[in-house]
Amino acid sequence: MGGQTDAIYRQWLVLSKIPRQPQFRSTTALLDALASEGIEVDRRTLQRDLERLATLFPLVSEPDGPGLRWAWLQEGAVQEIPAMSPSTALTFQLARDHLAGLFPPSLMTVLAPYFGRSEAVLNESHLGHWRNKVRLVDSGPDLGIPEVSASVRDAAYQALLEERQLEAGYYSRRRGSHERRRIHPLGLVGRDGVYYLVAKLDDRPDPRQLALHRLDSPVVLDSPTQSPSGFDLDRYLTEEAAFHYPRSQGLISLVLAVSSEVAFHLGERPLAADQAIDTEGDTVMVRATVADTEALRWWLLGLGSSVRVVGPEALRMEVAERLRTAAKLYGPTAD
């Protein structure tokens, strides 16, 4: 490449190596980054490049020992090479609408200019109205979402991201007050608009689920998180069915007599991979191997007269007793 072309390529690389505030990169680090790309340049040439680029792009600098460190201005316009496409812009917008609760606050700050730019791109695109045509809904009543304070969210996400312990008050329903606990964050799970820290409490070995809105006055500690041996978030959610509240560690062979409507629904959304649906006379029977959880009982009770538990016997008796107790609440009242 010619000298002018070399300079343009070098300056383009420099721009790509500079982070957005609040992160910065020193001149020395930029020199090293260029060297890793095979671009050897002296410090004075790089400094001239940076001073020139700062007159053309929203770059900021601050003292860093004898030199400077550089960043893109946090509120500065996003520079795109190539330009952001409408499909990419839509992805940014949907991520902000539906996944914001899963992003660390520091990342949301970094992404803010991209969210702003994506909205501008969509306003000029054929995809601009797509966000008004799609929604996510819950299967139950539209319950309100508890508010999580910014201080709690920031501390919890920081501790999880940096794998550090957290000290905070956690609301005890039994005591009706907050108890200070030593928390070891292991994961973050969103469910029906509520966010939970999967965490180890104090010196207890088993993970617990802590609703973020029940945390109070958190402090991020310097001590590293102590994770249970072999802990894996996916296994915790699937194999251990932790958020379905297990009643026992094993699986059960569930047998149900169901209405044709329930059978149709389960034909589309099976209870398990081994689910079988058979018609026996006027009855539709469903058989499946499932986790023994409290969520299973809530689901069965929610189907009311459209389902009858045939087996296992202990579950059949438990559901029957709950239904008898519920029926008493709707029994005849005295005049």
Protein backbone atom coordinates (compact mmCIF):
# COMPACT_ATOMS: atom_id res chain seq x y z
CA MET A 1 0.00 0.00 0.00
CA GLY A 2 1.07 3.57 -0.61
CA GLY A 3 1.90 6.01 2.16
CA GLN A 4 -1.50 7.74 2.18
CA THR A 5 -3.34 4.42 2.03
CA ASP A 6 -1.14 3.09 4.86
CA ALA A 7 -2.08 6.11 7.00
CA ILE A 8 -5.81 5.71 6.33
CA TYR A 9 -5.70 1.99 7.19
CA ARG A 10 -3.65 2.69 10.34
CA GLN A 11 -6.06 5.39 11.51
CA TRP A 12 -9.05 3.18 10.81
CA LEU A 13 -7.45 0.47 12.97
CA VAL A 14 -6.79 3.01 15.73
CA LEU A 15 -10.48 3.98 15.77
CA SER A 16 -11.48 0.32 16.00
CA LYS A 17 -9.17 -0.23 19.00
CA ILE A 18 -10.52 2.66 21.10
CA PRO A 19 -13.29 1.65 23.56
CA ARG A 20 -16.34 3.71 24.47
CA GLN A 21 -16.52 5.45 27.84
CA PRO A 22 -16.34 4.61 30.69
CA GLN A 23 -13.53 2.37 29.42
CA PHE A 24 -10.30 3.99 28.16
CA ARG A 25 -7.17 2.75 26.36
CA SER A 26 -3.73 4.24 26.81
CA THR A 27 -1.46 5.32 23.96
CA THR A 28 0.92 2.52 24.92
CA ALA A 29 -1.88 -0.06 24.76
CA LEU A 30 -2.91 1.31 21.34
CA LEU A 31 0.69 0.97 20.13
CA ASP A 32 0.68 -2.66 21.27
CA ALA A 33 -2.69 -3.26 19.60
CA LEU A 34 -1.37 -1.88 16.29
CA ALA A 35 1.76 -4.02 16.59
CA SER A 36 -0.41 -7.13 17.01
CA GLU A 37 -1.96 -6.24 13.64
CA GLY A 38 1.47 -5.92 12.04
CA ILE A 39 1.49 -2.10 12.08
CA GLU A 40 4.76 -0.74 13.47
CA VAL A 41 4.58 2.99 14.20
CA ASP A 42 6.38 5.29 16.65
CA ARG A 43 4.62 6.95 19.58
CA ARG A 44 4.81 10.46 18.10
CA THR A 45 3.09 9.36 14.86
CA LEU A 46 0.31 7.68 16.84
CA GLN A 47 -0.13 10.79 18.98
CA ARG A 48 -0.51 12.91 15.84
CA ASP A 49 -3.05 10.40 14.50
CA LEU A 50 -5.06 10.57 17.71
CA GLU A 51 -5.03 14.38 17.84
CA ARG A 52 -6.18 14.52 14.21
CA LEU A 53 -8.90 11.89 14.71
CA ALA A 54 -10.19 13.73 17.79
CA THR A 55 -11.01 16.74 15.56
CA LEU A 56 -13.11 14.50 13.27
CA PHE A 57 -14.70 12.00 15.65
CA PRO A 58 -16.20 12.21 19.18
CA LEU A 59 -13.05 11.06 20.98
CA VAL A 60 -12.03 12.16 24.46
CA SER A 61 -8.75 11.84 26.35
CA GLU A 62 -7.53 12.15 29.92
CA PRO A 63 -4.10 12.09 31.56
CA ASP A 64 -2.52 8.68 32.05
CA GLY A 65 0.85 9.09 33.72
CA PRO A 66 3.14 10.94 31.31
CA GLY A 67 0.77 10.33 28.38
CA LEU A 68 -2.95 10.14 27.61
CA ARG A 69 -5.61 7.49 27.42
CA TRP A 70 -8.47 7.60 24.93
CA ALA A 71 -12.14 6.68 24.57
CA TRP A 72 -15.12 7.28 22.36
CA LEU A 73 -17.44 9.84 23.96
CA GLN A 74 -20.18 7.96 25.78
CA GLU A 75 -22.98 10.03 24.25
CA GLY A 76 -21.24 10.35 20.88
CA ALA A 77 -22.85 9.13 17.69
CA VAL A 78 -22.10 5.53 16.75
CA GLN A 79 -19.63 5.23 13.87
CA GLU A 80 -20.52 2.20 11.76
CA ILE A 81 -18.33 0.52 9.18
CA PRO A 82 -20.35 -0.91 7.50
CA ALA A 83 -23.53 0.95 8.38
CA MET A 84 -26.04 -0.70 10.73
CA SER A 85 -28.59 -2.71 8.74
CA PRO A 86 -32.33 -2.60 9.52
CA SER A 87 -32.26 -6.24 10.68
CA THR A 88 -29.38 -5.48 13.09
CA ALA A 89 -31.24 -2.38 14.30
CA LEU A 90 -34.35 -4.47 14.98
CA THR A 91 -32.27 -6.96 16.97
CA PHE A 92 -30.91 -4.14 19.15
CA GLN A 93 -34.40 -2.81 19.79
CA LEU A 94 -35.90 -6.20 20.67
CA ALA A 95 -32.94 -6.90 22.95
CA ARG A 96 -33.56 -3.63 24.78
CA ASP A 97 -37.30 -4.31 25.05
CA HIS A 98 -37.15 -7.91 26.24
CA LEU A 99 -33.64 -8.70 27.52
CA ALA A 100 -32.62 -5.52 29.33
CA GLY A 101 -33.06 -7.21 32.72
CA LEU A 102 -30.39 -9.77 31.83
CA PHE A 103 -27.71 -7.20 30.90
CA PRO A 104 -25.28 -5.76 33.47
CA PRO A 105 -25.97 -2.00 33.92
CA SER A 106 -22.45 -1.19 32.74
CA LEU A 107 -23.16 -2.96 29.45
CA MET A 108 -26.48 -1.13 29.05
CA THR A 109 -24.57 2.15 29.37
CA VAL A 110 -22.11 1.08 26.68
CA LEU A 111 -24.94 -0.07 24.41
CA ALA A 112 -27.05 3.08 24.86
CA PRO A 113 -25.67 4.83 21.73
CA TYR A 114 -26.35 1.70 19.68
CA PHE A 115 -29.92 1.56 20.94
CA GLY A 116 -30.34 5.20 19.94
CA ARG A 117 -28.81 4.61 16.52
CA SER A 118 -30.89 1.48 15.93
CA GLU A 119 -34.08 3.41 16.61
CA ALA A 120 -33.09 6.02 14.03
CA VAL A 121 -32.30 3.27 11.47
CA LEU A 122 -35.64 1.56 12.07
CA ASN A 123 -37.57 4.80 11.65
CA GLU A 124 -36.31 4.91 8.06
CA SER A 125 -36.76 1.20 7.37
CA HIS A 126 -39.51 -1.14 6.19
CA LEU A 127 -39.00 -2.94 9.55
CA GLY A 128 -39.86 0.18 11.50
CA HIS A 129 -43.34 -1.01 12.51
CA TRP A 130 -42.34 -4.56 13.44
CA ARG A 131 -41.95 -3.78 17.15
CA ASN A 132 -45.58 -2.62 17.19
CA LYS A 133 -46.72 -5.97 15.78
CA VAL A 134 -45.07 -8.44 18.20
CA ARG A 135 -45.56 -9.03 21.92
CA LEU A 136 -44.67 -11.53 24.64
CA VAL A 137 -47.46 -12.50 27.06
CA ASP A 138 -47.59 -14.56 30.24
CA SER A 139 -49.78 -17.63 30.55
CA GLY A 140 -51.45 -16.42 33.73
CA PRO A 141 -52.93 -13.13 34.98
CA ASP A 142 -51.04 -9.97 34.08
CA LEU A 143 -49.42 -9.47 37.48
CA GLY A 144 -47.50 -6.34 38.34
CA ILE A 145 -43.70 -6.50 38.34
CA PRO A 146 -42.01 -5.62 41.65
CA GLU A 147 -39.63 -2.68 41.48
CA VAL A 148 -35.91 -3.25 41.96
CA SER A 149 -33.90 -0.23 43.09
CA ALA A 150 -30.95 0.85 40.96
CA SER A 151 -28.53 0.35 43.88
CA VAL A 152 -29.65 -3.25 44.38
CA ARG A 153 -29.57 -4.05 40.67
CA ASP A 154 -26.14 -2.48 40.13
CA ALA A 155 -24.54 -4.20 43.13
CA ALA A 156 -26.06 -7.60 42.38
CA TYR A 157 -25.06 -7.53 38.72
CA GLN A 158 -21.55 -6.27 39.55
CA ALA A 159 -21.02 -9.05 42.08
CA LEU A 160 -22.26 -11.66 39.61
CA LEU A 161 -20.16 -10.29 36.74
CA GLU A 162 -16.97 -9.99 38.80
CA GLU A 163 -17.59 -13.24 40.74
CA ARG A 164 -17.43 -11.47 44.09
CA GLN A 165 -19.43 -11.98 47.26
CA LEU A 166 -22.28 -9.71 48.22
CA GLU A 167 -23.49 -8.70 51.66
CA ALA A 168 -27.12 -7.59 51.76
CA GLY A 169 -30.32 -7.71 53.71
CA TYR A 170 -32.81 -10.28 52.42
CA TYR A 171 -36.47 -10.07 53.38
CA SER A 172 -37.62 -12.99 55.52
CA ARG A 173 -41.34 -13.67 55.27
CA ARG A 174 -41.14 -15.67 58.48
CA ARG A 175 -39.66 -12.76 60.47
CA GLY A 176 -41.20 -9.95 58.46
CA SER A 177 -37.88 -8.12 58.24
CA HIS A 178 -34.56 -8.04 56.37
CA GLU A 179 -31.73 -10.26 57.61
CA ARG A 180 -28.12 -9.49 56.65
CA ARG A 181 -26.67 -12.39 54.67
CA ARG A 182 -23.39 -13.26 52.94
CA ILE A 183 -24.37 -14.03 49.33
CA HIS A 184 -22.35 -15.89 46.68
CA PRO A 185 -23.99 -15.06 43.31
CA LEU A 186 -23.96 -17.95 40.81
CA GLY A 187 -26.45 -16.94 38.13
CA LEU A 188 -29.35 -14.70 37.12
CA VAL A 189 -32.75 -16.05 36.06
CA GLY A 190 -35.78 -14.11 34.84
CA ARG A 191 -39.25 -15.58 35.33
CA ASP A 192 -42.50 -13.79 34.49
CA GLY A 193 -40.81 -10.40 34.77
CA VAL A 194 -39.22 -11.15 38.16
CA TYR A 195 -35.43 -11.59 38.38
CA TYR A 196 -33.72 -13.96 40.78
CA LEU A 197 -30.13 -14.40 41.86
CA VAL A 198 -29.22 -18.06 42.06
CA ALA A 199 -26.80 -17.93 44.95
CA LYS A 200 -25.21 -19.74 47.85
CA LEU A 201 -26.12 -18.19 51.21
CA ASP A 202 -23.58 -17.87 54.02
CA ASP A 203 -21.87 -21.26 54.46
CA ARG A 204 -24.80 -23.35 53.26
CA PRO A 205 -23.85 -25.75 50.45
CA ASP A 206 -27.01 -25.71 48.32
CA PRO A 207 -27.96 -22.86 45.93
CA ARG A 208 -31.03 -20.76 46.68
CA GLN A 209 -33.17 -18.38 44.62
CA LEU A 210 -33.18 -14.79 45.87
CA ALA A 211 -35.69 -12.36 44.36
CA LEU A 212 -33.84 -9.14 43.57
CA HIS A 213 -36.68 -6.95 44.84
CA ARG A 214 -36.29 -8.48 48.32
CA LEU A 215 -32.64 -7.43 48.63
CA ASP A 216 -31.76 -4.36 50.67
CA SER A 217 -28.62 -2.23 51.17
CA PRO A 218 -26.19 -4.46 49.23
CA VAL A 219 -22.41 -4.11 49.47
CA VAL A 220 -20.06 -5.78 46.99
CA LEU A 221 -17.19 -7.42 48.86
CA ASP A 222 -13.61 -8.10 47.78
CA SER A 223 -13.91 -11.81 48.61
CA PRO A 224 -14.38 -14.12 45.59
CA THR A 225 -17.54 -16.14 45.15
CA GLN A 226 -17.37 -19.68 46.49
CA SER A 227 -19.27 -21.83 44.01
CA PRO A 228 -20.57 -25.30 44.95
CA SER A 229 -18.45 -28.04 43.39
CA GLY A 230 -19.64 -28.84 39.86
CA PHE A 231 -22.38 -26.22 39.83
CA ASP A 232 -23.85 -25.64 36.37
CA LEU A 233 -26.74 -23.21 35.84
CA ASP A 234 -28.30 -25.16 32.97
CA ARG A 235 -28.26 -28.42 34.93
CA TYR A 236 -29.69 -26.60 37.94
CA LEU A 237 -32.61 -25.37 35.84
CA THR A 238 -33.29 -28.52 33.80
CA GLU A 239 -32.12 -31.68 35.53
CA GLU A 240 -32.74 -30.37 39.05
CA ALA A 241 -35.87 -28.43 37.97
CA ALA A 242 -35.01 -25.92 40.68
CA PHE A 243 -37.45 -23.22 39.60
CA HIS A 244 -40.26 -25.79 39.51
CA TYR A 245 -39.68 -26.46 43.23
CA PRO A 246 -38.88 -30.21 43.45
CA ARG A 247 -40.74 -32.32 46.00
CA SER A 248 -38.30 -35.20 45.61
CA GLN A 249 -35.07 -35.88 43.72
CA GLY A 250 -36.46 -38.56 41.42
CA LEU A 251 -38.82 -38.80 38.47
CA ILE A 252 -42.35 -40.17 38.61
CA SER A 253 -44.43 -42.13 36.09
CA LEU A 254 -47.42 -39.83 35.67
CA VAL A 255 -50.70 -41.29 34.40
CA LEU A 256 -53.61 -38.95 33.67
CA ALA A 257 -57.14 -39.27 32.36
CA VAL A 258 -57.79 -36.05 30.46
CA SER A 259 -60.38 -34.28 28.34
CA SER A 260 -60.02 -34.17 24.58
CA GLU A 261 -59.07 -30.47 24.81
CA VAL A 262 -56.21 -31.21 27.22
CA ALA A 263 -55.11 -34.16 25.07
CA PHE A 264 -54.96 -31.90 22.01
CA HIS A 265 -52.90 -29.35 23.95
CA LEU A 266 -50.48 -32.01 25.19
CA GLY A 267 -50.17 -33.41 21.69
CA GLU A 268 -48.72 -30.04 20.66
CA ARG A 269 -46.70 -29.47 23.82
CA PRO A 270 -45.71 -32.83 25.37
CA LEU A 271 -45.03 -33.22 29.06
CA ALA A 272 -41.91 -35.30 28.32
CA ALA A 273 -40.05 -36.99 25.47
CA ASP A 274 -41.61 -40.36 26.35
CA GLN A 275 -45.18 -39.05 26.52
CA ALA A 276 -47.82 -41.41 25.13
CA ILE A 277 -51.50 -40.59 24.49
CA ASP A 278 -54.00 -43.43 24.12
CA THR A 279 -57.77 -43.63 23.91
CA GLU A 280 -59.33 -46.22 26.18
CA GLY A 281 -63.05 -46.30 25.54
CA ASP A 282 -64.38 -42.82 26.22
CA THR A 283 -61.26 -41.82 28.15
CA VAL A 284 -58.04 -40.28 26.85
CA MET A 285 -55.03 -41.50 28.84
CA VAL A 286 -51.70 -39.64 29.01
CA ARG A 287 -48.52 -41.28 30.31
CA ALA A 288 -45.20 -39.48 30.82
CA THR A 289 -42.10 -39.57 33.01
CA VAL A 290 -41.81 -36.19 34.73
CA ALA A 291 -40.05 -34.45 37.60
CA ASP A 292 -41.84 -34.58 40.95
CA THR A 293 -42.36 -30.85 41.54
CA GLU A 294 -44.68 -28.40 43.16
CA ALA A 295 -45.16 -26.77 39.74
CA LEU A 296 -46.61 -30.06 38.46
CA ARG A 297 -49.23 -29.94 41.22
CA TRP A 298 -50.11 -26.30 40.43
CA TRP A 299 -50.58 -27.26 36.78
CA LEU A 300 -52.78 -30.25 37.62
CA LEU A 301 -54.93 -28.23 40.01
CA GLY A 302 -55.26 -25.47 37.41
CA LEU A 303 -56.83 -27.90 34.93
CA GLY A 304 -59.67 -28.62 37.38
CA SER A 305 -62.24 -31.13 36.11
CA SER A 306 -60.41 -31.54 32.78
CA VAL A 307 -57.88 -33.94 34.31
CA ARG A 308 -57.87 -36.83 36.78
CA VAL A 309 -54.65 -38.17 38.26
CA VAL A 310 -54.58 -41.97 37.95
CA GLY A 311 -51.04 -42.53 39.15
CA PRO A 312 -48.88 -42.52 41.11
CA GLU A 313 -51.29 -43.25 43.93
CA ALA A 314 -49.64 -40.85 46.42
CA LEU A 315 -49.99 -37.97 43.97
CA ARG A 316 -53.59 -38.93 43.17
CA MET A 317 -54.51 -38.83 46.86
CA GLU A 318 -52.68 -35.54 47.42
CA VAL A 319 -54.42 -33.78 44.51
CA ALA A 320 -57.79 -35.20 45.59
CA GLU A 321 -57.30 -33.86 49.13
CA ARG A 322 -56.34 -30.40 47.84
CA LEU A 323 -59.42 -30.33 45.63
CA ARG A 324 -61.68 -31.37 48.52
CA THR A 325 -60.17 -28.60 50.66
CA ALA A 326 -60.69 -26.08 47.87
CA ALA A 327 -64.28 -27.23 47.33
CA LYS A 328 -65.06 -26.49 50.99
CA LEU A 329 -64.18 -22.84 50.34
CA TYR A 330 -67.03 -22.73 47.82
CA GLY A 331 -69.53 -24.76 49.84
CA PRO A 332 -73.01 -23.54 50.78
CA THR A 333 -73.09 -20.66 53.23
CA ALA A 334 -75.48 -20.27 56.10
CA ASP A 335 -78.40 -17.92 55.54
